[in-house]
């Protein structure tokens, strides 16, 4: 962020964070988005995808499975 990045890649950023720290990170991500920063957010936590992301891509065992808009997915399918 010091270098005015336009793209940030986060790989499992909440894996070792407390719930309070996760909240802080999510606020930072929202702020970065409003400033036009693109973020690639890698996670297994589908609730994070639902609350932070506009689009998603699913990979399983290194293979492409699906992609789409988060808004097009109904919540029950997140846990199927």
N, C-alpha and C. Protein backbone atom coordinates (compact mmCIF):
# COMPACT_ATOMS: atom_id res chain seq x y z
N UNK A 1 0.83 -1.19 0.00
CA UNK A 1 0.00 0.00 0.00
C UNK A 1 0.88 1.25 0.00
N UNK A 2 2.07 1.11 0.48
CA UNK A 2 3.01 2.23 0.49
C UNK A 2 3.37 2.67 -0.92
N UNK A 3 3.34 1.72 -1.86
CA UNK A 3 3.75 2.00 -3.23
C UNK A 3 2.59 2.35 -4.14
N UNK A 4 1.42 2.65 -3.57
CA UNK A 4 0.23 3.00 -4.35
C UNK A 4 -0.13 1.89 -5.33
N UNK A 5 -0.16 0.66 -4.85
CA UNK A 5 -0.46 -0.51 -5.68
C UNK A 5 -1.86 -0.42 -6.25
N UNK A 6 -2.03 -0.91 -7.46
CA UNK A 6 -3.34 -0.97 -8.10
C UNK A 6 -3.91 -2.37 -8.02
N UNK A 7 -3.05 -3.35 -7.68
CA UNK A 7 -3.45 -4.74 -7.53
C UNK A 7 -2.75 -5.33 -6.33
N UNK A 8 -3.52 -5.97 -5.45
CA UNK A 8 -2.97 -6.65 -4.27
C UNK A 8 -3.48 -8.08 -4.28
N UNK A 9 -2.59 -9.04 -4.08
CA UNK A 9 -2.97 -10.44 -4.00
C UNK A 9 -2.85 -10.89 -2.55
N UNK A 10 -3.94 -11.42 -2.00
CA UNK A 10 -3.97 -11.90 -0.62
C UNK A 10 -4.27 -13.40 -0.65
N UNK A 11 -3.36 -14.21 -0.14
CA UNK A 11 -3.53 -15.65 -0.12
C UNK A 11 -3.81 -16.11 1.31
N UNK A 12 -5.05 -16.52 1.55
CA UNK A 12 -5.49 -16.94 2.89
C UNK A 12 -5.12 -15.91 3.95
N UNK A 13 -5.49 -14.65 3.77
CA UNK A 13 -5.04 -13.61 4.70
C UNK A 13 -5.60 -13.71 6.11
N UNK A 14 -6.70 -14.43 6.29
CA UNK A 14 -7.30 -14.49 7.63
C UNK A 14 -6.97 -15.79 8.37
N UNK A 15 -6.16 -16.64 7.78
CA UNK A 15 -5.89 -17.97 8.35
C UNK A 15 -5.39 -17.91 9.79
N UNK A 16 -4.55 -16.94 10.11
CA UNK A 16 -3.96 -16.89 11.45
C UNK A 16 -4.41 -15.68 12.26
N UNK A 17 -5.53 -15.06 11.84
CA UNK A 17 -5.98 -13.83 12.51
C UNK A 17 -7.10 -14.12 13.51
N UNK A 18 -7.16 -13.29 14.54
CA UNK A 18 -8.28 -13.36 15.48
C UNK A 18 -9.51 -12.75 14.80
N UNK A 19 -10.67 -12.95 15.40
CA UNK A 19 -11.90 -12.40 14.83
C UNK A 19 -11.83 -10.87 14.73
N UNK A 20 -11.25 -10.22 15.72
CA UNK A 20 -11.10 -8.76 15.70
C UNK A 20 -10.17 -8.34 14.56
N UNK A 21 -9.09 -9.07 14.39
CA UNK A 21 -8.15 -8.76 13.31
C UNK A 21 -8.76 -8.99 11.93
N UNK A 22 -9.61 -10.02 11.83
CA UNK A 22 -10.32 -10.26 10.57
C UNK A 22 -11.22 -9.08 10.24
N UNK A 23 -11.92 -8.57 11.24
CA UNK A 23 -12.77 -7.39 11.03
C UNK A 23 -11.97 -6.20 10.54
N UNK A 24 -10.80 -5.99 11.13
CA UNK A 24 -9.93 -4.89 10.71
C UNK A 24 -9.49 -5.08 9.27
N UNK A 25 -9.07 -6.30 8.93
CA UNK A 25 -8.65 -6.58 7.55
C UNK A 25 -9.79 -6.33 6.57
N UNK A 26 -10.98 -6.78 6.90
CA UNK A 26 -12.13 -6.59 6.01
C UNK A 26 -12.44 -5.12 5.80
N UNK A 27 -12.30 -4.32 6.84
CA UNK A 27 -12.51 -2.86 6.68
C UNK A 27 -11.45 -2.27 5.75
N UNK A 28 -10.22 -2.74 5.88
CA UNK A 28 -9.15 -2.26 5.00
C UNK A 28 -9.44 -2.66 3.55
N UNK A 29 -9.87 -3.89 3.34
CA UNK A 29 -10.20 -4.36 1.98
C UNK A 29 -11.32 -3.51 1.39
N UNK A 30 -12.36 -3.23 2.16
CA UNK A 30 -13.46 -2.39 1.67
C UNK A 30 -12.94 -1.00 1.31
N UNK A 31 -12.08 -0.45 2.13
CA UNK A 31 -11.52 0.88 1.87
C UNK A 31 -10.68 0.87 0.58
N UNK A 32 -9.87 -0.14 0.41
CA UNK A 32 -9.05 -0.25 -0.80
C UNK A 32 -9.93 -0.34 -2.04
N UNK A 33 -11.01 -1.10 -1.96
CA UNK A 33 -11.92 -1.23 -3.10
C UNK A 33 -12.53 0.12 -3.47
N UNK A 34 -12.91 0.88 -2.47
CA UNK A 34 -13.50 2.19 -2.77
C UNK A 34 -12.49 3.14 -3.40
N UNK A 35 -11.20 2.86 -3.19
CA UNK A 35 -10.14 3.68 -3.80
C UNK A 35 -9.69 3.13 -5.16
N UNK A 36 -10.39 2.10 -5.64
CA UNK A 36 -10.10 1.58 -6.97
C UNK A 36 -9.00 0.55 -7.04
N UNK A 37 -8.60 0.01 -5.90
CA UNK A 37 -7.56 -1.02 -5.89
C UNK A 37 -8.22 -2.37 -6.18
N UNK A 38 -7.65 -3.13 -7.10
CA UNK A 38 -8.13 -4.48 -7.39
C UNK A 38 -7.46 -5.45 -6.42
N UNK A 39 -8.24 -6.43 -5.96
CA UNK A 39 -7.72 -7.39 -4.98
C UNK A 39 -8.06 -8.80 -5.44
N UNK A 40 -7.06 -9.65 -5.49
CA UNK A 40 -7.28 -11.07 -5.68
C UNK A 40 -7.22 -11.68 -4.29
N UNK A 41 -8.32 -12.24 -3.84
CA UNK A 41 -8.47 -12.70 -2.47
C UNK A 41 -8.67 -14.21 -2.49
N UNK A 42 -7.66 -14.96 -2.08
CA UNK A 42 -7.70 -16.42 -2.08
C UNK A 42 -8.13 -16.88 -0.69
N UNK A 43 -9.21 -17.67 -0.63
CA UNK A 43 -9.70 -18.14 0.66
C UNK A 43 -10.54 -19.39 0.49
N UNK A 44 -10.66 -20.16 1.56
CA UNK A 44 -11.58 -21.29 1.61
C UNK A 44 -12.85 -20.89 2.36
N UNK A 45 -12.85 -19.73 2.94
CA UNK A 45 -13.98 -19.26 3.76
C UNK A 45 -15.00 -18.56 2.87
N UNK A 46 -16.08 -19.28 2.56
CA UNK A 46 -17.05 -18.77 1.60
C UNK A 46 -17.79 -17.54 2.10
N UNK A 47 -17.94 -17.39 3.42
CA UNK A 47 -18.57 -16.19 3.95
C UNK A 47 -17.74 -14.95 3.62
N UNK A 48 -16.43 -15.08 3.55
CA UNK A 48 -15.57 -13.96 3.18
C UNK A 48 -15.78 -13.60 1.72
N UNK A 49 -15.90 -14.60 0.87
CA UNK A 49 -16.16 -14.35 -0.55
C UNK A 49 -17.48 -13.60 -0.69
N UNK A 50 -18.50 -14.06 0.01
CA UNK A 50 -19.82 -13.45 -0.08
C UNK A 50 -19.81 -12.00 0.38
N UNK A 51 -19.02 -11.66 1.38
CA UNK A 51 -19.06 -10.30 1.92
C UNK A 51 -18.04 -9.36 1.29
N UNK A 52 -16.98 -9.89 0.66
CA UNK A 52 -15.91 -9.03 0.16
C UNK A 52 -15.80 -8.95 -1.36
N UNK A 53 -16.28 -9.95 -2.05
CA UNK A 53 -15.94 -10.08 -3.47
C UNK A 53 -17.09 -9.76 -4.41
N UNK A 54 -16.74 -9.27 -5.59
CA UNK A 54 -17.71 -9.05 -6.66
C UNK A 54 -17.79 -10.29 -7.56
N UNK A 55 -16.64 -10.89 -7.83
CA UNK A 55 -16.55 -12.05 -8.70
C UNK A 55 -15.79 -13.16 -8.00
N UNK A 56 -15.98 -14.39 -8.48
CA UNK A 56 -15.27 -15.52 -7.91
C UNK A 56 -14.80 -16.47 -9.02
N UNK A 57 -13.77 -17.21 -8.72
CA UNK A 57 -13.30 -18.32 -9.53
C UNK A 57 -13.05 -19.48 -8.59
N UNK A 58 -13.55 -20.65 -8.94
CA UNK A 58 -13.36 -21.84 -8.12
C UNK A 58 -12.34 -22.74 -8.80
N UNK A 59 -11.33 -23.11 -8.02
CA UNK A 59 -10.32 -24.08 -8.46
C UNK A 59 -10.36 -25.26 -7.51
N UNK A 60 -10.29 -26.46 -8.04
CA UNK A 60 -10.24 -27.66 -7.19
C UNK A 60 -9.11 -28.54 -7.71
N UNK A 61 -8.18 -28.86 -6.83
CA UNK A 61 -7.03 -29.68 -7.21
C UNK A 61 -6.30 -29.09 -8.41
N UNK A 62 -6.20 -27.76 -8.43
CA UNK A 62 -5.49 -27.08 -9.50
C UNK A 62 -6.24 -26.96 -10.81
N UNK A 63 -7.48 -27.36 -10.82
CA UNK A 63 -8.28 -27.31 -12.05
C UNK A 63 -9.41 -26.29 -11.92
N UNK A 64 -9.66 -25.62 -13.03
CA UNK A 64 -10.75 -24.65 -13.11
C UNK A 64 -12.09 -25.37 -12.99
N UNK A 65 -12.96 -24.87 -12.12
CA UNK A 65 -14.29 -25.45 -11.93
C UNK A 65 -15.38 -24.48 -12.41
N UNK A 66 -15.31 -23.24 -11.96
CA UNK A 66 -16.37 -22.29 -12.30
C UNK A 66 -15.91 -20.87 -11.99
N UNK A 67 -16.66 -19.91 -12.52
CA UNK A 67 -16.46 -18.50 -12.19
C UNK A 67 -17.79 -17.80 -12.36
N UNK A 68 -17.89 -16.61 -11.78
CA UNK A 68 -19.12 -15.86 -11.93
C UNK A 68 -19.16 -14.66 -11.01
N UNK A 69 -20.32 -14.04 -10.98
CA UNK A 69 -20.58 -12.91 -10.10
C UNK A 69 -21.11 -13.43 -8.77
N UNK A 70 -20.59 -12.93 -7.69
CA UNK A 70 -21.05 -13.34 -6.36
C UNK A 70 -22.54 -13.06 -6.21
N UNK A 71 -23.01 -11.95 -6.77
CA UNK A 71 -24.42 -11.57 -6.65
C UNK A 71 -25.37 -12.55 -7.35
N UNK A 72 -24.84 -13.38 -8.24
CA UNK A 72 -25.68 -14.36 -8.95
C UNK A 72 -25.84 -15.67 -8.19
N UNK A 73 -25.13 -15.83 -7.08
CA UNK A 73 -25.17 -17.07 -6.32
C UNK A 73 -26.08 -16.89 -5.11
N UNK A 74 -27.02 -17.83 -4.96
CA UNK A 74 -27.90 -17.81 -3.80
C UNK A 74 -27.17 -18.40 -2.60
N UNK A 75 -27.32 -17.82 -1.42
CA UNK A 75 -26.59 -18.28 -0.22
C UNK A 75 -26.59 -19.79 0.04
N UNK A 76 -27.70 -20.51 -0.13
CA UNK A 76 -27.63 -21.95 0.17
C UNK A 76 -26.60 -22.69 -0.67
N UNK A 77 -26.31 -22.25 -1.88
CA UNK A 77 -25.34 -22.96 -2.71
C UNK A 77 -23.91 -22.75 -2.25
N UNK A 78 -23.68 -21.77 -1.37
CA UNK A 78 -22.32 -21.55 -0.85
C UNK A 78 -21.87 -22.76 -0.05
N UNK A 79 -22.79 -23.49 0.54
CA UNK A 79 -22.43 -24.56 1.45
C UNK A 79 -22.77 -25.95 0.91
N UNK A 80 -23.17 -26.02 -0.34
CA UNK A 80 -23.55 -27.32 -0.93
C UNK A 80 -22.34 -28.19 -1.19
